[in-house]
Amino acid sequence: MTDKKITSENLYLLLPGKVSKMAVMYASDFGLSITESLKRIYQSSTYRQLEDEETKLWHYGPVALYEMFLENN
């Protein structure tokens, strides 16, 4: 059995699913397009923290990340 650990080299595999769900919530809440929502999320300090494996924010679900995004950006 292979040991499957999240590392800085494979973290990118988890992020699109979380970000896409955040973008749908953001677009719905603020009347934005999905494209604009994605741009804002990817440019945010929350995303910069999320893509840093050491923060362990990847443990959080999309709703918790979305709330963090709204508070910090």
PDB file of N, CA and C in Angstrom:
ATOM      1  N   MET A   1       0.848  -1.184   0.000  1.00  0.00           N
ATOM      2  CA  MET A   1       0.000   0.000   0.000  1.00  0.00           C
ATOM      3  C   MET A   1       0.893   1.247   0.000  1.00  0.00           C
ATOM      4  N   THR A   2       0.562   2.187  -0.834  1.00  0.00           N
ATOM      5  CA  THR A   2       1.324   3.422  -0.942  1.00  0.00           C
ATOM      6  C   THR A   2       0.838   4.420   0.094  1.00  0.00           C
ATOM      7  N   ASP A   3       1.782   5.091   0.748  1.00  0.00           N
ATOM      8  CA  ASP A   3       1.440   6.127   1.714  1.00  0.00           C
ATOM      9  C   ASP A   3       1.046   7.384   0.952  1.00  0.00           C
ATOM     10  N   LYS A   4      -0.188   7.848   1.103  1.00  0.00           N
ATOM     11  CA  LYS A   4      -0.689   9.007   0.375  1.00  0.00           C
ATOM     12  C   LYS A   4      -0.739  10.210   1.297  1.00  0.00           C
ATOM     13  N   LYS A   5       0.270  11.052   1.195  1.00  0.00           N
ATOM     14  CA  LYS A   5       0.350  12.252   2.013  1.00  0.00           C
ATOM     15  C   LYS A   5       0.155  13.474   1.140  1.00  0.00           C
ATOM     16  N   ILE A   6      -0.442  14.507   1.718  1.00  0.00           N
ATOM     17  CA  ILE A   6      -0.554  15.784   1.033  1.00  0.00           C
ATOM     18  C   ILE A   6       0.756  16.523   1.240  1.00  0.00           C
ATOM     19  N   THR A   7       1.356  16.920   0.135  1.00  0.00           N
ATOM     20  CA  THR A   7       2.617  17.656   0.177  1.00  0.00           C
ATOM     21  C   THR A   7       2.489  18.901  -0.694  1.00  0.00           C
ATOM     22  N   SER A   8       3.487  19.749  -0.646  1.00  0.00           N
ATOM     23  CA  SER A   8       3.470  20.938  -1.495  1.00  0.00           C
ATOM     24  C   SER A   8       3.517  20.556  -2.976  1.00  0.00           C
ATOM     25  N   GLU A   9       3.992  19.359  -3.279  1.00  0.00           N
ATOM     26  CA  GLU A   9       4.053  18.911  -4.668  1.00  0.00           C
ATOM     27  C   GLU A   9       2.717  18.404  -5.204  1.00  0.00           C
ATOM     28  N   ASN A  10       1.815  17.946  -4.349  1.00  0.00           N
ATOM     29  CA  ASN A  10       0.541  17.424  -4.845  1.00  0.00           C
ATOM     30  C   ASN A  10      -0.685  18.182  -4.324  1.00  0.00           C
ATOM     31  N   LEU A  11      -0.479  19.209  -3.548  1.00  0.00           N
ATOM     32  CA  LEU A  11      -1.589  19.983  -2.999  1.00  0.00           C
ATOM     33  C   LEU A  11      -2.481  20.559  -4.091  1.00  0.00           C
ATOM     34  N   TYR A  12      -1.882  20.936  -5.215  1.00  0.00           N
ATOM     35  CA  TYR A  12      -2.635  21.540  -6.313  1.00  0.00           C
ATOM     36  C   TYR A  12      -3.791  20.660  -6.787  1.00  0.00           C
ATOM     37  N   LEU A  13      -3.740  19.375  -6.525  1.00  0.00           N
ATOM     38  CA  LEU A  13      -4.809  18.474  -6.936  1.00  0.00           C
ATOM     39  C   LEU A  13      -6.096  18.685  -6.136  1.00  0.00           C
ATOM     40  N   LEU A  14      -5.982  19.168  -4.904  1.00  0.00           N
ATOM     41  CA  LEU A  14      -7.148  19.379  -4.041  1.00  0.00           C
ATOM     42  C   LEU A  14      -7.823  20.734  -4.242  1.00  0.00           C
ATOM     43  N   LEU A  15      -7.071  21.712  -4.677  1.00  0.00           N
ATOM     44  CA  LEU A  15      -7.554  23.086  -4.656  1.00  0.00           C
ATOM     45  C   LEU A  15      -8.685  23.401  -5.640  1.00  0.00           C
ATOM     46  N   PRO A  16      -8.680  22.906  -6.858  1.00  0.00           N
ATOM     47  CA  PRO A  16      -9.755  23.288  -7.783  1.00  0.00           C
ATOM     48  C   PRO A  16     -11.167  22.962  -7.286  1.00  0.00           C
ATOM     49  N   GLY A  17     -11.345  21.834  -6.645  1.00  0.00           N
ATOM     50  CA  GLY A  17     -12.666  21.473  -6.130  1.00  0.00           C
ATOM     51  C   GLY A  17     -13.146  22.428  -5.049  1.00  0.00           C
ATOM     52  N   LYS A  18     -12.249  22.787  -4.161  1.00  0.00           N
ATOM     53  CA  LYS A  18     -12.602  23.709  -3.082  1.00  0.00           C
ATOM     54  C   LYS A  18     -12.880  25.111  -3.632  1.00  0.00           C
ATOM     55  N   VAL A  19     -12.014  25.562  -4.532  1.00  0.00           N
ATOM     56  CA  VAL A  19     -12.146  26.907  -5.096  1.00  0.00           C
ATOM     57  C   VAL A  19     -13.408  27.022  -5.942  1.00  0.00           C
ATOM     58  N   SER A  20     -13.730  25.998  -6.709  1.00  0.00           N
ATOM     59  CA  SER A  20     -14.929  26.069  -7.555  1.00  0.00           C
ATOM     60  C   SER A  20     -16.193  26.190  -6.714  1.00  0.00           C
ATOM     61  N   LYS A  21     -16.251  25.481  -5.606  1.00  0.00           N
ATOM     62  CA  LYS A  21     -17.421  25.585  -4.724  1.00  0.00           C
ATOM     63  C   LYS A  21     -17.485  26.953  -4.056  1.00  0.00           C
ATOM     64  N   MET A  22     -16.328  27.487  -3.683  1.00  0.00           N
ATOM     65  CA  MET A  22     -16.281  28.838  -3.118  1.00  0.00           C
ATOM     66  C   MET A  22     -16.769  29.855  -4.152  1.00  0.00           C
ATOM     67  N   ALA A  23     -16.344  29.694  -5.398  1.00  0.00           N
ATOM     68  CA  ALA A  23     -16.708  30.632  -6.460  1.00  0.00           C
ATOM     69  C   ALA A  23     -18.216  30.629  -6.713  1.00  0.00           C
ATOM     70  N   VAL A  24     -18.828  29.467  -6.657  1.00  0.00           N
ATOM     71  CA  VAL A  24     -20.277  29.387  -6.845  1.00  0.00           C
ATOM     72  C   VAL A  24     -20.994  30.142  -5.726  1.00  0.00           C
ATOM     73  N   MET A  25     -20.553  29.970  -4.501  1.00  0.00           N
ATOM     74  CA  MET A  25     -21.172  30.688  -3.370  1.00  0.00           C
ATOM     75  C   MET A  25     -20.981  32.191  -3.513  1.00  0.00           C
ATOM     76  N   TYR A  26     -19.769  32.601  -3.866  1.00  0.00           N
ATOM     77  CA  TYR A  26     -19.445  34.021  -3.996  1.00  0.00           C
ATOM     78  C   TYR A  26     -20.251  34.654  -5.130  1.00  0.00           C
ATOM     79  N   ALA A  27     -20.321  33.989  -6.247  1.00  0.00           N
ATOM     80  CA  ALA A  27     -21.087  34.496  -7.390  1.00  0.00           C
ATOM     81  C   ALA A  27     -22.558  34.648  -7.018  1.00  0.00           C
ATOM     82  N   SER A  28     -23.096  33.672  -6.339  1.00  0.00           N
ATOM     83  CA  SER A  28     -24.502  33.704  -5.931  1.00  0.00           C
ATOM     84  C   SER A  28     -24.778  34.811  -4.922  1.00  0.00           C
ATOM     85  N   ASP A  29     -23.909  34.952  -3.937  1.00  0.00           N
ATOM     86  CA  ASP A  29     -24.110  35.937  -2.877  1.00  0.00           C
ATOM     87  C   ASP A  29     -23.964  37.380  -3.360  1.00  0.00           C
ATOM     88  N   PHE A  30     -23.104  37.600  -4.362  1.00  0.00           N
ATOM     89  CA  PHE A  30     -22.796  38.966  -4.771  1.00  0.00           C
ATOM     90  C   PHE A  30     -23.168  39.280  -6.219  1.00  0.00           C
ATOM     91  N   GLY A  31     -23.866  38.372  -6.874  1.00  0.00           N
ATOM     92  CA  GLY A  31     -24.324  38.620  -8.230  1.00  0.00           C
ATOM     93  C   GLY A  31     -23.200  38.766  -9.243  1.00  0.00           C
ATOM     94  N   LEU A  32     -22.152  38.008  -9.067  1.00  0.00           N
ATOM     95  CA  LEU A  32     -20.999  38.055  -9.966  1.00  0.00           C
ATOM     96  C   LEU A  32     -21.020  36.855 -10.902  1.00  0.00           C
ATOM     97  N   SER A  33     -20.260  36.959 -11.973  1.00  0.00           N
ATOM     98  CA  SER A  33     -20.076  35.790 -12.841  1.00  0.00           C
ATOM     99  C   SER A  33     -19.116  34.823 -12.143  1.00  0.00           C
ATOM    100  N   ILE A  34     -19.172  33.581 -12.567  1.00  0.00           N
ATOM    101  CA  ILE A  34     -18.246  32.590 -12.013  1.00  0.00           C
ATOM    102  C   ILE A  34     -16.802  33.000 -12.339  1.00  0.00           C
ATOM    103  N   THR A  35     -16.597  33.508 -13.538  1.00  0.00           N
ATOM    104  CA  THR A  35     -15.252  33.923 -13.936  1.00  0.00           C
ATOM    105  C   THR A  35     -14.719  35.018 -13.024  1.00  0.00           C
ATOM    106  N   GLU A  36     -15.537  36.022 -12.757  1.00  0.00           N
ATOM    107  CA  GLU A  36     -15.107  37.118 -11.874  1.00  0.00           C
ATOM    108  C   GLU A  36     -14.889  36.601 -10.456  1.00  0.00           C
ATOM    109  N   SER A  37     -15.746  35.717 -10.000  1.00  0.00           N
ATOM    110  CA  SER A  37     -15.593  35.134  -8.667  1.00  0.00           C
ATOM    111  C   SER A  37     -14.278  34.371  -8.555  1.00  0.00           C
ATOM    112  N   LEU A  38     -13.978  33.572  -9.561  1.00  0.00           N
ATOM    113  CA  LEU A  38     -12.721  32.819  -9.559  1.00  0.00           C
ATOM    114  C   LEU A  38     -11.522  33.750  -9.546  1.00  0.00           C
ATOM    115  N   LYS A  39     -11.554  34.806 -10.370  1.00  0.00           N
ATOM    116  CA  LYS A  39     -10.445  35.769 -10.390  1.00  0.00           C
ATOM    117  C   LYS A  39     -10.212  36.358  -9.007  1.00  0.00           C
ATOM    118  N   ARG A  40     -11.287  36.776  -8.354  1.00  0.00           N
ATOM    119  CA  ARG A  40     -11.152  37.395  -7.036  1.00  0.00           C
ATOM    120  C   ARG A  40     -10.623  36.420  -5.999  1.00  0.00           C
ATOM    121  N   ILE A  41     -11.074  35.190  -6.056  1.00  0.00           N
ATOM    122  CA  ILE A  41     -10.604  34.184  -5.098  1.00  0.00           C
ATOM    123  C   ILE A  41      -9.125  33.872  -5.340  1.00  0.00           C
ATOM    124  N   TYR A  42      -8.759  33.645  -6.596  1.00  0.00           N
ATOM    125  CA  TYR A  42      -7.363  33.309  -6.904  1.00  0.00           C
ATOM    126  C   TYR A  42      -6.400  34.456  -6.594  1.00  0.00           C
ATOM    127  N   GLN A  43      -6.885  35.685  -6.573  1.00  0.00           N
ATOM    128  CA  GLN A  43      -6.037  36.831  -6.263  1.00  0.00           C
ATOM    129  C   GLN A  43      -6.042  37.179  -4.778  1.00  0.00           C
ATOM    130  N   SER A  44      -6.757  36.440  -3.978  1.00  0.00           N
ATOM    131  CA  SER A  44      -6.945  36.784  -2.567  1.00  0.00           C
ATOM    132  C   SER A  44      -5.832  36.268  -1.660  1.00  0.00           C
ATOM    133  N   SER A  45      -5.743  36.885  -0.506  1.00  0.00           N
ATOM    134  CA  SER A  45      -4.798  36.417   0.514  1.00  0.00           C
ATOM    135  C   SER A  45      -5.216  35.046   1.041  1.00  0.00           C
ATOM    136  N   THR A  46      -6.509  34.774   1.054  1.00  0.00           N
ATOM    137  CA  THR A  46      -6.982  33.460   1.495  1.00  0.00           C
ATOM    138  C   THR A  46      -6.454  32.366   0.574  1.00  0.00           C
ATOM    139  N   TYR A  47      -6.489  32.607  -0.720  1.00  0.00           N
ATOM    140  CA  TYR A  47      -5.972  31.600  -1.647  1.00  0.00           C
ATOM    141  C   TYR A  47      -4.465  31.427  -1.486  1.00  0.00           C
ATOM    142  N   ARG A  48      -3.751  32.505  -1.297  1.00  0.00           N
ATOM    143  CA  ARG A  48      -2.301  32.398  -1.095  1.00  0.00           C
ATOM    144  C   ARG A  48      -2.004  31.535   0.128  1.00  0.00           C
ATOM    145  N   GLN A  49      -2.807  31.679   1.168  1.00  0.00           N
ATOM    146  CA  GLN A  49      -2.621  30.840   2.356  1.00  0.00           C
ATOM    147  C   GLN A  49      -3.022  29.397   2.059  1.00  0.00           C
ATOM    148  N   LEU A  50      -4.106  29.224   1.315  1.00  0.00           N
ATOM    149  CA  LEU A  50      -4.595  27.885   0.989  1.00  0.00           C
ATOM    150  C   LEU A  50      -3.578  27.103   0.171  1.00  0.00           C
ATOM    151  N   GLU A  51      -2.901  27.764  -0.759  1.00  0.00           N
ATOM    152  CA  GLU A  51      -1.939  27.044  -1.591  1.00  0.00           C
ATOM    153  C   GLU A  51      -0.609  26.781  -0.885  1.00  0.00           C
ATOM    154  N   ASP A  52      -0.456  27.306   0.317  1.00  0.00           N
ATOM    155  CA  ASP A  52       0.733  27.023   1.132  1.00  0.00           C
ATOM    156  C   ASP A  52       0.426  25.808   2.008  1.00  0.00           C
ATOM    157  N   GLU A  53       1.001  24.678   1.677  1.00  0.00           N
ATOM    158  CA  GLU A  53       0.696  23.423   2.373  1.00  0.00           C
ATOM    159  C   GLU A  53       0.931  23.523   3.872  1.00  0.00           C
ATOM    160  N   GLU A  54       1.886  24.323   4.290  1.00  0.00           N
ATOM    161  CA  GLU A  54       2.224  24.419   5.710  1.00  0.00           C
ATOM    162  C   GLU A  54       1.102  25.015   6.563  1.00  0.00           C
ATOM    163  N   THR A  55       0.201  25.790   5.969  1.00  0.00           N
ATOM    164  CA  THR A  55      -0.910  26.376   6.741  1.00  0.00           C
ATOM    165  C   THR A  55      -1.968  25.338   7.093  1.00  0.00           C
ATOM    166  N   LYS A  56      -1.986  24.256   6.344  1.00  0.00           N
ATOM    167  CA  LYS A  56      -2.956  23.167   6.517  1.00  0.00           C
ATOM    168  C   LYS A  56      -4.402  23.628   6.281  1.00  0.00           C
ATOM    169  N   LEU A  57      -4.595  24.752   5.598  1.00  0.00           N
ATOM    170  CA  LEU A  57      -5.959  25.203   5.296  1.00  0.00           C
ATOM    171  C   LEU A  57      -6.686  24.245   4.373  1.00  0.00           C
ATOM    172  N   TRP A  58      -5.958  23.410   3.659  1.00  0.00           N
ATOM    173  CA  TRP A  58      -6.589  22.438   2.782  1.00  0.00           C
ATOM    174  C   TRP A  58      -7.459  21.447   3.556  1.00  0.00           C
ATOM    175  N   HIS A  59      -7.284  21.396   4.873  1.00  0.00           N
ATOM    176  CA  HIS A  59      -8.153  20.554   5.713  1.00  0.00           C
ATOM    177  C   HIS A  59      -9.574  21.101   5.775  1.00  0.00           C
ATOM    178  N   TYR A  60      -9.732  22.396   5.592  1.00  0.00           N
ATOM    179  CA  TYR A  60     -11.032  23.048   5.712  1.00  0.00           C
ATOM    180  C   TYR A  60     -11.901  22.746   4.491  1.00  0.00           C
ATOM    181  N   GLY A  61     -13.197  22.721   4.735  1.00  0.00           N
ATOM    182  CA  GLY A  61     -14.145  22.556   3.647  1.00  0.00           C
ATOM    183  C   GLY A  61     -14.400  23.879   2.946  1.00  0.00           C
ATOM    184  N   PRO A  62     -15.088  23.839   1.806  1.00  0.00           N
ATOM    185  CA  PRO A  62     -15.350  25.051   1.041  1.00  0.00           C
ATOM    186  C   PRO A  62     -16.130  26.128   1.802  1.00  0.00           C
ATOM    187  N   VAL A  63     -17.055  25.736   2.642  1.00  0.00           N
ATOM    188  CA  VAL A  63     -17.842  26.728   3.382  1.00  0.00           C
ATOM    189  C   VAL A  63     -16.957  27.478   4.375  1.00  0.00           C
ATOM    190  N   ALA A  64     -16.146  26.770   5.113  1.00  0.00           N
ATOM    191  CA  ALA A  64     -15.235  27.412   6.065  1.00  0.00           C
ATOM    192  C   ALA A  64     -14.238  28.307   5.332  1.00  0.00           C
ATOM    193  N   LEU A  65     -13.719  27.840   4.216  1.00  0.00           N
ATOM    194  CA  LEU A  65     -12.781  28.650   3.429  1.00  0.00           C
ATOM    195  C   LEU A  65     -13.464  29.895   2.870  1.00  0.00           C
ATOM    196  N   TYR A  66     -14.704  29.748   2.435  1.00  0.00           N
ATOM    197  CA  TYR A  66     -15.461  30.880   1.913  1.00  0.00           C
ATOM    198  C   TYR A  66     -15.679  31.934   3.001  1.00  0.00           C
ATOM    199  N   GLU A  67     -16.032  31.502   4.192  1.00  0.00           N
ATOM    200  CA  GLU A  67     -16.212  32.435   5.306  1.00  0.00           C
ATOM    201  C   GLU A  67     -14.903  33.147   5.632  1.00  0.00           C
ATOM    202  N   MET A  68     -13.804  32.412   5.593  1.00  0.00           N
ATOM    203  CA  MET A  68     -12.491  33.009   5.830  1.00  0.00           C
ATOM    204  C   MET A  68     -12.181  34.039   4.726  1.00  0.00           C
ATOM    205  N   PHE A  69     -12.490  33.676   3.487  1.00  0.00           N
ATOM    206  CA  PHE A  69     -12.284  34.570   2.354  1.00  0.00           C
ATOM    207  C   PHE A  69     -13.066  35.882   2.551  1.00  0.00           C
ATOM    208  N   LEU A  70     -14.320  35.780   2.958  1.00  0.00           N
ATOM    209  CA  LEU A  70     -15.139  36.984   3.161  1.00  0.00           C
ATOM    210  C   LEU A  70     -14.590  37.858   4.281  1.00  0.00           C
ATOM    211  N   GLU A  71     -14.073  37.254   5.330  1.00  0.00           N
ATOM    212  CA  GLU A  71     -13.536  37.994   6.471  1.00  0.00           C
ATOM    213  C   GLU A  71     -12.213  38.688   6.123  1.00  0.00           C
ATOM    214  N   ASN A  72     -11.388  38.057   5.304  1.00  0.00           N
ATOM    215  CA  ASN A  72     -10.031  38.540   5.064  1.00  0.00           C
ATOM    216  C   ASN A  72      -9.852  39.368   3.793  1.00  0.00           C
ATOM    217  N   ASN A  73     -10.837  39.392   2.952  1.00  0.00           N
ATOM    218  CA  ASN A  73     -10.639  40.056   1.652  1.00  0.00           C
ATOM    219  C   ASN A  73     -11.695  41.096   1.380  1.00  0.00           C
TER     220      ASN A  73
END
